[in-house]
Amino acid sequence: MLTRISRKEGSSMELTAQELNKFIKEKINPRVQGDGGEVSFVSLEGQVLTVKVQGECSRCPLTSGCFKDWMVQEIDKVWKKQLTVKIIVKKPYFWDK
């Protein structure tokens, strides 16, 4: 599950792990919490942004498609720097039983 994102020209925000973490907490996560999901920042290593999805997001078939595209669009409104986005799906142990 990899997708590219970019930062828009003229943005004053720097692309840092701290800024991405804050953006995910304040802009992305609240929107998915209404549906029982949760998104959290894992890391920014070079050009790879890794996020973890839990709750309803972890079993939703739209996570790797529509949700991921929406998240990339939201981030793309702020940054114009090529990144690869990786989503880690965290399922509770009892869903596999």
PDB file of N, CA and C in Angstrom:
ATOM      1  N   MET A   1       0.819  -1.172   0.000  1.00  0.00           N
ATOM      2  CA  MET A   1       0.000   0.000   0.000  1.00  0.00           C
ATOM      3  C   MET A   1       0.868   1.242   0.000  1.00  0.00           C
ATOM      4  N   LEU A   2       1.384   1.637  -1.143  1.00  0.00           N
ATOM      5  CA  LEU A   2       2.242   2.798  -1.235  1.00  0.00           C
ATOM      6  C   LEU A   2       1.619   3.830  -2.160  1.00  0.00           C
ATOM      7  N   THR A   3       1.674   5.094  -1.781  1.00  0.00           N
ATOM      8  CA  THR A   3       1.121   6.183  -2.571  1.00  0.00           C
ATOM      9  C   THR A   3       2.047   7.379  -2.452  1.00  0.00           C
ATOM     10  N   ARG A   4       2.120   8.177  -3.487  1.00  0.00           N
ATOM     11  CA  ARG A   4       2.960   9.372  -3.466  1.00  0.00           C
ATOM     12  C   ARG A   4       2.128  10.585  -3.066  1.00  0.00           C
ATOM     13  N   ILE A   5       2.749  11.499  -2.300  1.00  0.00           N
ATOM     14  CA  ILE A   5       2.099  12.765  -1.963  1.00  0.00           C
ATOM     15  C   ILE A   5       3.074  13.896  -2.240  1.00  0.00           C
ATOM     16  N   SER A   6       2.574  15.113  -2.325  1.00  0.00           N
ATOM     17  CA  SER A   6       3.436  16.261  -2.594  1.00  0.00           C
ATOM     18  C   SER A   6       2.943  17.488  -1.832  1.00  0.00           C
ATOM     19  N   ARG A   7       3.824  18.468  -1.616  1.00  0.00           N
ATOM     20  CA  ARG A   7       3.474  19.706  -0.911  1.00  0.00           C
ATOM     21  C   ARG A   7       3.259  20.818  -1.931  1.00  0.00           C
ATOM     22  N   LYS A   8       2.252  21.647  -1.724  1.00  0.00           N
ATOM     23  CA  LYS A   8       1.945  22.745  -2.647  1.00  0.00           C
ATOM     24  C   LYS A   8       2.993  23.850  -2.541  1.00  0.00           C
ATOM     25  N   GLU A   9       3.243  24.516  -3.668  1.00  0.00           N
ATOM     26  CA  GLU A   9       4.169  25.648  -3.705  1.00  0.00           C
ATOM     27  C   GLU A   9       3.685  26.748  -2.766  1.00  0.00           C
ATOM     28  N   GLY A  10       4.612  27.433  -2.147  1.00  0.00           N
ATOM     29  CA  GLY A  10       4.266  28.564  -1.311  1.00  0.00           C
ATOM     30  C   GLY A  10       3.849  28.205   0.099  1.00  0.00           C
ATOM     31  N   SER A  11       3.822  26.941   0.437  1.00  0.00           N
ATOM     32  CA  SER A  11       3.439  26.547   1.789  1.00  0.00           C
ATOM     33  C   SER A  11       4.555  26.927   2.752  1.00  0.00           C
ATOM     34  N   SER A  12       4.177  27.459   3.911  1.00  0.00           N
ATOM     35  CA  SER A  12       5.182  27.862   4.890  1.00  0.00           C
ATOM     36  C   SER A  12       5.539  26.729   5.847  1.00  0.00           C
ATOM     37  N   MET A  13       4.762  25.637   5.818  1.00  0.00           N
ATOM     38  CA  MET A  13       5.042  24.510   6.704  1.00  0.00           C
ATOM     39  C   MET A  13       6.208  23.688   6.172  1.00  0.00           C
ATOM     40  N   GLU A  14       7.133  23.358   7.056  1.00  0.00           N
ATOM     41  CA  GLU A  14       8.218  22.474   6.661  1.00  0.00           C
ATOM     42  C   GLU A  14       7.758  21.036   6.780  1.00  0.00           C
ATOM     43  N   LEU A  15       8.294  20.214   5.918  1.00  0.00           N
ATOM     44  CA  LEU A  15       7.952  18.801   5.938  1.00  0.00           C
ATOM     45  C   LEU A  15       8.861  18.099   6.944  1.00  0.00           C
ATOM     46  N   THR A  16       8.364  17.949   8.164  1.00  0.00           N
ATOM     47  CA  THR A  16       9.109  17.277   9.216  1.00  0.00           C
ATOM     48  C   THR A  16       8.221  16.207   9.830  1.00  0.00           C
ATOM     49  N   ALA A  17       8.836  15.276  10.520  1.00  0.00           N
ATOM     50  CA  ALA A  17       8.071  14.235  11.207  1.00  0.00           C
ATOM     51  C   ALA A  17       7.113  14.869  12.209  1.00  0.00           C
ATOM     52  N   GLN A  18       7.563  15.891  12.907  1.00  0.00           N
ATOM     53  CA  GLN A  18       6.724  16.561  13.908  1.00  0.00           C
ATOM     54  C   GLN A  18       5.504  17.216  13.257  1.00  0.00           C
ATOM     55  N   GLU A  19       5.694  17.903  12.131  1.00  0.00           N
ATOM     56  CA  GLU A  19       4.573  18.553  11.445  1.00  0.00           C
ATOM     57  C   GLU A  19       3.598  17.532  10.871  1.00  0.00           C
ATOM     58  N   LEU A  20       4.106  16.442  10.303  1.00  0.00           N
ATOM     59  CA  LEU A  20       3.225  15.397   9.775  1.00  0.00           C
ATOM     60  C   LEU A  20       2.438  14.733  10.894  1.00  0.00           C
ATOM     61  N   ASN A  21       3.087  14.460  12.009  1.00  0.00           N
ATOM     62  CA  ASN A  21       2.409  13.865  13.163  1.00  0.00           C
ATOM     63  C   ASN A  21       1.275  14.777  13.633  1.00  0.00           C
ATOM     64  N   LYS A  22       1.555  16.061  13.755  1.00  0.00           N
ATOM     65  CA  LYS A  22       0.547  17.037  14.179  1.00  0.00           C
ATOM     66  C   LYS A  22      -0.601  17.097  13.173  1.00  0.00           C
ATOM     67  N   PHE A  23      -0.286  17.115  11.893  1.00  0.00           N
ATOM     68  CA  PHE A  23      -1.300  17.178  10.841  1.00  0.00           C
ATOM     69  C   PHE A  23      -2.214  15.953  10.881  1.00  0.00           C
ATOM     70  N   ILE A  24      -1.632  14.784  11.056  1.00  0.00           N
ATOM     71  CA  ILE A  24      -2.433  13.553  11.122  1.00  0.00           C
ATOM     72  C   ILE A  24      -3.332  13.575  12.353  1.00  0.00           C
ATOM     73  N   LYS A  25      -2.792  13.993  13.499  1.00  0.00           N
ATOM     74  CA  LYS A  25      -3.593  14.064  14.732  1.00  0.00           C
ATOM     75  C   LYS A  25      -4.731  15.068  14.617  1.00  0.00           C
ATOM     76  N   GLU A  26      -4.457  16.221  14.016  1.00  0.00           N
ATOM     77  CA  GLU A  26      -5.437  17.308  13.997  1.00  0.00           C
ATOM     78  C   GLU A  26      -6.380  17.291  12.800  1.00  0.00           C
ATOM     79  N   LYS A  27      -5.950  16.777  11.665  1.00  0.00           N
ATOM     80  CA  LYS A  27      -6.758  16.860  10.445  1.00  0.00           C
ATOM     81  C   LYS A  27      -7.280  15.515   9.953  1.00  0.00           C
ATOM     82  N   ILE A  28      -6.459  14.493  10.029  1.00  0.00           N
ATOM     83  CA  ILE A  28      -6.848  13.188   9.477  1.00  0.00           C
ATOM     84  C   ILE A  28      -7.609  12.363  10.509  1.00  0.00           C
ATOM     85  N   ASN A  29      -7.014  12.164  11.664  1.00  0.00           N
ATOM     86  CA  ASN A  29      -7.596  11.278  12.672  1.00  0.00           C
ATOM     87  C   ASN A  29      -9.006  11.679  13.119  1.00  0.00           C
ATOM     88  N   PRO A  30      -9.278  12.950  13.391  1.00  0.00           N
ATOM     89  CA  PRO A  30     -10.641  13.296  13.819  1.00  0.00           C
ATOM     90  C   PRO A  30     -11.721  12.925  12.798  1.00  0.00           C
ATOM     91  N   ARG A  31     -11.394  12.959  11.536  1.00  0.00           N
ATOM     92  CA  ARG A  31     -12.381  12.642  10.500  1.00  0.00           C
ATOM     93  C   ARG A  31     -12.705  11.156  10.458  1.00  0.00           C
ATOM     94  N   VAL A  32     -11.754  10.291  10.795  1.00  0.00           N
ATOM     95  CA  VAL A  32     -12.029   8.847  10.753  1.00  0.00           C
ATOM     96  C   VAL A  32     -12.551   8.324  12.086  1.00  0.00           C
ATOM     97  N   GLN A  33     -12.345   9.072  13.161  1.00  0.00           N
ATOM     98  CA  GLN A  33     -12.829   8.632  14.468  1.00  0.00           C
ATOM     99  C   GLN A  33     -14.349   8.531  14.511  1.00  0.00           C
ATOM    100  N   GLY A  34     -15.032   9.343  13.731  1.00  0.00           N
ATOM    101  CA  GLY A  34     -16.489   9.287  13.679  1.00  0.00           C
ATOM    102  C   GLY A  34     -17.017   7.961  13.164  1.00  0.00           C
ATOM    103  N   ASP A  35     -16.200   7.255  12.418  1.00  0.00           N
ATOM    104  CA  ASP A  35     -16.576   5.941  11.895  1.00  0.00           C
ATOM    105  C   ASP A  35     -15.921   4.804  12.679  1.00  0.00           C
ATOM    106  N   GLY A  36     -15.320   5.129  13.810  1.00  0.00           N
ATOM    107  CA  GLY A  36     -14.717   4.102  14.655  1.00  0.00           C
ATOM    108  C   GLY A  36     -13.294   3.735  14.288  1.00  0.00           C
ATOM    109  N   GLY A  37     -12.652   4.561  13.474  1.00  0.00           N
ATOM    110  CA  GLY A  37     -11.278   4.274  13.075  1.00  0.00           C
ATOM    111  C   GLY A  37     -10.280   5.155  13.787  1.00  0.00           C
ATOM    112  N   GLU A  38      -9.023   4.851  13.575  1.00  0.00           N
ATOM    113  CA  GLU A  38      -7.946   5.655  14.154  1.00  0.00           C
ATOM    114  C   GLU A  38      -6.733   5.565  13.244  1.00  0.00           C
ATOM    115  N   VAL A  39      -6.109   6.707  13.016  1.00  0.00           N
ATOM    116  CA  VAL A  39      -4.897   6.783  12.207  1.00  0.00           C
ATOM    117  C   VAL A  39      -3.824   7.407  13.069  1.00  0.00           C
ATOM    118  N   SER A  40      -2.636   6.830  13.066  1.00  0.00           N
ATOM    119  CA  SER A  40      -1.547   7.413  13.844  1.00  0.00           C
ATOM    120  C   SER A  40      -0.257   7.420  13.035  1.00  0.00           C
ATOM    121  N   PHE A  41       0.524   8.455  13.261  1.00  0.00           N
ATOM    122  CA  PHE A  41       1.832   8.612  12.631  1.00  0.00           C
ATOM    123  C   PHE A  41       2.773   7.565  13.211  1.00  0.00           C
ATOM    124  N   VAL A  42       3.519   6.898  12.336  1.00  0.00           N
ATOM    125  CA  VAL A  42       4.522   5.937  12.795  1.00  0.00           C
ATOM    126  C   VAL A  42       5.913   6.509  12.583  1.00  0.00           C
ATOM    127  N   SER A  43       6.211   6.909  11.345  1.00  0.00           N
ATOM    128  CA  SER A  43       7.555   7.418  11.084  1.00  0.00           C
ATOM    129  C   SER A  43       7.622   8.168   9.762  1.00  0.00           C
ATOM    130  N   LEU A  44       8.663   8.963   9.641  1.00  0.00           N
ATOM    131  CA  LEU A  44       9.056   9.581   8.386  1.00  0.00           C
ATOM    132  C   LEU A  44      10.528   9.267   8.236  1.00  0.00           C
ATOM    133  N   GLU A  45      10.828   8.359   7.331  1.00  0.00           N
ATOM    134  CA  GLU A  45      12.214   7.942   7.109  1.00  0.00           C
ATOM    135  C   GLU A  45      12.566   8.253   5.669  1.00  0.00           C
ATOM    136  N   GLY A  46      13.382   9.284   5.496  1.00  0.00           N
ATOM    137  CA  GLY A  46      13.710   9.710   4.141  1.00  0.00           C
ATOM    138  C   GLY A  46      12.452  10.182   3.441  1.00  0.00           C
ATOM    139  N   GLN A  47      12.089   9.492   2.383  1.00  0.00           N
ATOM    140  CA  GLN A  47      10.908   9.850   1.598  1.00  0.00           C
ATOM    141  C   GLN A  47       9.721   8.940   1.881  1.00  0.00           C
ATOM    142  N   VAL A  48       9.757   8.165   2.964  1.00  0.00           N
ATOM    143  CA  VAL A  48       8.679   7.223   3.275  1.00  0.00           C
ATOM    144  C   VAL A  48       7.952   7.643   4.553  1.00  0.00           C
ATOM    145  N   LEU A  49       6.664   7.962   4.401  1.00  0.00           N
ATOM    146  CA  LEU A  49       5.790   8.274   5.529  1.00  0.00           C
ATOM    147  C   LEU A  49       5.002   7.016   5.852  1.00  0.00           C
ATOM    148  N   THR A  50       5.092   6.555   7.092  1.00  0.00           N
ATOM    149  CA  THR A  50       4.365   5.364   7.516  1.00  0.00           C
ATOM    150  C   THR A  50       3.326   5.766   8.551  1.00  0.00           C
ATOM    151  N   VAL A  51       2.082   5.302   8.331  1.00  0.00           N
ATOM    152  CA  VAL A  51       0.999   5.526   9.280  1.00  0.00           C
ATOM    153  C   VAL A  51       0.379   4.186   9.633  1.00  0.00           C
ATOM    154  N   LYS A  52      -0.247   4.137  10.818  1.00  0.00           N
ATOM    155  CA  LYS A  52      -0.912   2.912  11.268  1.00  0.00           C
ATOM    156  C   LYS A  52      -2.399   3.191  11.377  1.00  0.00           C
ATOM    157  N   VAL A  53      -3.214   2.251  10.871  1.00  0.00           N
ATOM    158  CA  VAL A  53      -4.665   2.365  11.022  1.00  0.00           C
ATOM    159  C   VAL A  53      -5.144   1.268  11.956  1.00  0.00           C
ATOM    160  N   GLN A  54      -6.125   1.618  12.799  1.00  0.00           N
ATOM    161  CA  GLN A  54      -6.685   0.687  13.778  1.00  0.00           C
ATOM    162  C   GLN A  54      -8.198   0.830  13.800  1.00  0.00           C
ATOM    163  N   GLY A  55      -8.835   0.014  14.604  1.00  0.00           N
ATOM    164  CA  GLY A  55     -10.283   0.077  14.743  1.00  0.00           C
ATOM    165  C   GLY A  55     -10.959  -0.331  13.455  1.00  0.00           C
ATOM    166  N   GLU A  56     -12.055   0.341  13.133  1.00  0.00           N
ATOM    167  CA  GLU A  56     -12.815  -0.004  11.934  1.00  0.00           C
ATOM    168  C   GLU A  56     -11.999   0.184  10.658  1.00  0.00           C
ATOM    169  N   CYS A  57     -11.038   1.104  10.663  1.00  0.00           N
ATOM    170  CA  CYS A  57     -10.197   1.305   9.479  1.00  0.00           C
ATOM    171  C   CYS A  57      -9.386   0.056   9.151  1.00  0.00           C
ATOM    172  N   SER A  58      -9.053  -0.725  10.162  1.00  0.00           N
ATOM    173  CA  SER A  58      -8.203  -1.888   9.931  1.00  0.00           C
ATOM    174  C   SER A  58      -8.920  -3.021   9.219  1.00  0.00           C
ATOM    175  N   ARG A  59     -10.241  -3.027   9.246  1.00  0.00           N
ATOM    176  CA  ARG A  59     -10.940  -4.085   8.521  1.00  0.00           C
ATOM    177  C   ARG A  59     -11.781  -3.563   7.364  1.00  0.00           C
ATOM    178  N   CYS A  60     -11.720  -2.281   7.125  1.00  0.00           N
ATOM    179  CA  CYS A  60     -12.482  -1.672   6.033  1.00  0.00           C
ATOM    180  C   CYS A  60     -11.776  -1.926   4.700  1.00  0.00           C
ATOM    181  N   PRO A  61     -12.509  -2.411   3.693  1.00  0.00           N
ATOM    182  CA  PRO A  61     -11.888  -2.657   2.388  1.00  0.00           C
ATOM    183  C   PRO A  61     -11.488  -1.371   1.663  1.00  0.00           C
ATOM    184  N   LEU A  62     -11.954  -0.213   2.129  1.00  0.00           N
ATOM    185  CA  LEU A  62     -11.627   1.055   1.479  1.00  0.00           C
ATOM    186  C   LEU A  62     -10.310   1.659   1.964  1.00  0.00           C
ATOM    187  N   THR A  63      -9.696   1.068   2.979  1.00  0.00           N
ATOM    188  CA  THR A  63      -8.466   1.628   3.546  1.00  0.00           C
ATOM    189  C   THR A  63      -7.362   1.748   2.509  1.00  0.00           C
ATOM    190  N   SER A  64      -7.174   0.727   1.697  1.00  0.00           N
ATOM    191  CA  SER A  64      -6.079   0.767   0.725  1.00  0.00           C
ATOM    192  C   SER A  64      -6.452   1.523  -0.543  1.00  0.00           C
ATOM    193  N   GLY A  65      -7.700   1.932  -0.677  1.00  0.00           N
ATOM    194  CA  GLY A  65      -8.141   2.646  -1.873  1.00  0.00           C
ATOM    195  C   GLY A  65      -8.600   4.044  -1.556  1.00  0.00           C
ATOM    196  N   CYS A  66      -9.908   4.191  -1.356  1.00  0.00           N
ATOM    197  CA  CYS A  66     -10.520   5.519  -1.150  1.00  0.00           C
ATOM    198  C   CYS A  66      -9.937   6.264   0.043  1.00  0.00           C
ATOM    199  N   PHE A  67      -9.811   5.598   1.181  1.00  0.00           N
ATOM    200  CA  PHE A  67      -9.290   6.265   2.376  1.00  0.00           C
ATOM    201  C   PHE A  67      -7.876   6.765   2.138  1.00  0.00           C
ATOM    202  N   LYS A  68      -7.048   5.897   1.582  1.00  0.00           N
ATOM    203  CA  LYS A  68      -5.661   6.263   1.343  1.00  0.00           C
ATOM    204  C   LYS A  68      -5.576   7.432   0.362  1.00  0.00           C
ATOM    205  N   ASP A  69      -6.370   7.380  -0.690  1.00  0.00           N
ATOM    206  CA  ASP A  69      -6.381   8.480  -1.654  1.00  0.00           C
ATOM    207  C   ASP A  69      -6.834   9.781  -0.999  1.00  0.00           C
ATOM    208  N   TRP A  70      -7.870   9.711  -0.147  1.00  0.00           N
ATOM    209  CA  TRP A  70      -8.350  10.902   0.548  1.00  0.00           C
ATOM    210  C   TRP A  70      -7.266  11.467   1.457  1.00  0.00           C
ATOM    211  N   MET A  71      -6.593  10.595   2.203  1.00  0.00           N
ATOM    212  CA  MET A  71      -5.546  11.043   3.102  1.00  0.00           C
ATOM    213  C   MET A  71      -4.425  11.721   2.314  1.00  0.00           C
ATOM    214  N   VAL A  72      -4.051  11.136   1.205  1.00  0.00           N
ATOM    215  CA  VAL A  72      -3.003  11.711   0.368  1.00  0.00           C
ATOM    216  C   VAL A  72      -3.435  13.076  -0.169  1.00  0.00           C
ATOM    217  N   GLN A  73      -4.688  13.216  -0.573  1.00  0.00           N
ATOM    218  CA  GLN A  73      -5.191  14.506  -1.063  1.00  0.00           C
ATOM    219  C   GLN A  73      -5.143  15.568   0.031  1.00  0.00           C
ATOM    220  N   GLU A  74      -5.518  15.190   1.252  1.00  0.00           N
ATOM    221  CA  GLU A  74      -5.483  16.146   2.362  1.00  0.00           C
ATOM    222  C   GLU A  74      -4.053  16.603   2.642  1.00  0.00           C
ATOM    223  N   ILE A  75      -3.123  15.692   2.627  1.00  0.00           N
ATOM    224  CA  ILE A  75      -1.719  16.048   2.857  1.00  0.00           C
ATOM    225  C   ILE A  75      -1.194  16.857   1.674  1.00  0.00           C
ATOM    226  N   ASP A  76      -1.631  16.503   0.472  1.00  0.00           N
ATOM    227  CA  ASP A  76      -1.192  17.179  -0.747  1.00  0.00           C
ATOM    228  C   ASP A  76      -1.622  18.645  -0.784  1.00  0.00           C
ATOM    229  N   LYS A  77      -2.667  19.002  -0.053  1.00  0.00           N
ATOM    230  CA  LYS A  77      -3.104  20.398   0.007  1.00  0.00           C
ATOM    231  C   LYS A  77      -2.072  21.273   0.717  1.00  0.00           C
ATOM    232  N   VAL A  78      -1.212  20.664   1.521  1.00  0.00           N
ATOM    233  CA  VAL A  78      -0.253  21.408   2.334  1.00  0.00           C
ATOM    234  C   VAL A  78       1.177  21.291   1.811  1.00  0.00           C
ATOM    235  N   TRP A  79       1.608  20.092   1.393  1.00  0.00           N
ATOM    236  CA  TRP A  79       2.996  19.858   1.005  1.00  0.00           C
ATOM    237  C   TRP A  79       3.158  19.577  -0.475  1.00  0.00           C
ATOM    238  N   LYS A  80       4.316  19.946  -0.982  1.00  0.00           N
ATOM    239  CA  LYS A  80       4.689  19.585  -2.356  1.00  0.00           C
ATOM    240  C   LYS A  80       6.094  18.991  -2.323  1.00  0.00           C
ATOM    241  N   LYS A  81       6.192  17.815  -1.808  1.00  0.00           N
ATOM    242  CA  LYS A  81       7.447  17.071  -1.761  1.00  0.00           C
ATOM    243  C   LYS A  81       7.076  15.615  -1.957  1.00  0.00           C
ATOM    244  N   GLN A  82       7.725  14.957  -2.875  1.00  0.00           N
ATOM    245  CA  GLN A  82       7.380  13.581  -3.189  1.00  0.00           C
ATOM    246  C   GLN A  82       7.709  12.652  -2.018  1.00  0.00           C
ATOM    247  N   LEU A  83       6.688  11.964  -1.533  1.00  0.00           N
ATOM    248  CA  LEU A  83       6.827  10.980  -0.467  1.00  0.00           C
ATOM    249  C   LEU A  83       6.149   9.692  -0.890  1.00  0.00           C
ATOM    250  N   THR A  84       6.536   8.621  -0.284  1.00  0.00           N
ATOM    251  CA  THR A  84       5.836   7.354  -0.428  1.00  0.00           C
ATOM    252  C   THR A  84       5.102   7.116   0.883  1.00  0.00           C
ATOM    253  N   VAL A  85       3.797   6.832   0.797  1.00  0.00           N
ATOM    254  CA  VAL A  85       2.987   6.601   1.986  1.00  0.00           C
ATOM    255  C   VAL A  85       2.757   5.107   2.147  1.00  0.00           C
ATOM    256  N   LYS A  86       3.059   4.615   3.322  1.00  0.00           N
ATOM    257  CA  LYS A  86       2.862   3.203   3.643  1.00  0.00           C
ATOM    258  C   LYS A  86       1.861   3.122   4.794  1.00  0.00           C
ATOM    259  N   ILE A  87       0.848   2.262   4.637  1.00  0.00           N
ATOM    260  CA  ILE A  87      -0.153   2.086   5.685  1.00  0.00           C
ATOM    261  C   ILE A  87       0.032   0.722   6.336  1.00  0.00           C
ATOM    262  N   ILE A  88       0.179   0.724   7.653  1.00  0.00           N
ATOM    263  CA  ILE A  88       0.242  -0.509   8.434  1.00  0.00           C
ATOM    264  C   ILE A  88      -1.143  -0.734   9.021  1.00  0.00           C
ATOM    265  N   VAL A  89      -1.693  -1.908   8.785  1.00  0.00           N
ATOM    266  CA  VAL A  89      -3.022  -2.241   9.299  1.00  0.00           C
ATOM    267  C   VAL A  89      -2.852  -3.031  10.585  1.00  0.00           C
ATOM    268  N   LYS A  90      -3.379  -2.492  11.688  1.00  0.00           N
ATOM    269  CA  LYS A  90      -3.286  -3.143  13.003  1.00  0.00           C
ATOM    270  C   LYS A  90      -4.638  -3.744  13.345  1.00  0.00           C
ATOM    271  N   LYS A  91      -4.744  -5.066  13.202  1.00  0.00           N
ATOM    272  CA  LYS A  91      -5.989  -5.765  13.529  1.00  0.00           C
ATOM    273  C   LYS A  91      -5.879  -6.375  14.923  1.00  0.00           C
ATOM    274  N   PRO A  92      -6.958  -6.341  15.691  1.00  0.00           N
ATOM    275  CA  PRO A  92      -6.948  -7.022  16.988  1.00  0.00           C
ATOM    276  C   PRO A  92      -6.754  -8.528  16.791  1.00  0.00           C
ATOM    277  N   TYR A  93      -6.093  -9.153  17.714  1.00  0.00           N
ATOM    278  CA  TYR A  93      -5.789 -10.579  17.600  1.00  0.00           C
ATOM    279  C   TYR A  93      -7.042 -11.428  17.431  1.00  0.00           C
ATOM    280  N   PHE A  94      -8.148 -11.035  18.029  1.00  0.00           N
ATOM    281  CA  PHE A  94      -9.356 -11.865  18.008  1.00  0.00           C
ATOM    282  C   PHE A  94     -10.099 -11.826  16.670  1.00  0.00           C
ATOM    283  N   TRP A  95      -9.749 -10.903  15.749  1.00  0.00           N
ATOM    284  CA  TRP A  95     -10.410 -10.877  14.445  1.00  0.00           C
ATOM    285  C   TRP A  95      -9.983 -12.046  13.574  1.00  0.00           C
ATOM    286  N   ASP A  96      -8.841 -12.638  13.860  1.00  0.00           N
ATOM    287  CA  ASP A  96      -8.338 -13.758  13.062  1.00  0.00           C
ATOM    288  C   ASP A  96      -8.811 -15.104  13.576  1.00  0.00           C
ATOM    289  N   LYS A  97      -9.564 -15.150  14.639  1.00  0.00           N
ATOM    290  CA  LYS A  97      -9.992 -16.423  15.228  1.00  0.00           C
ATOM    291  C   LYS A  97     -11.333 -16.840  14.709  1.00  0.00           C
TER     292      LYS A  97
END
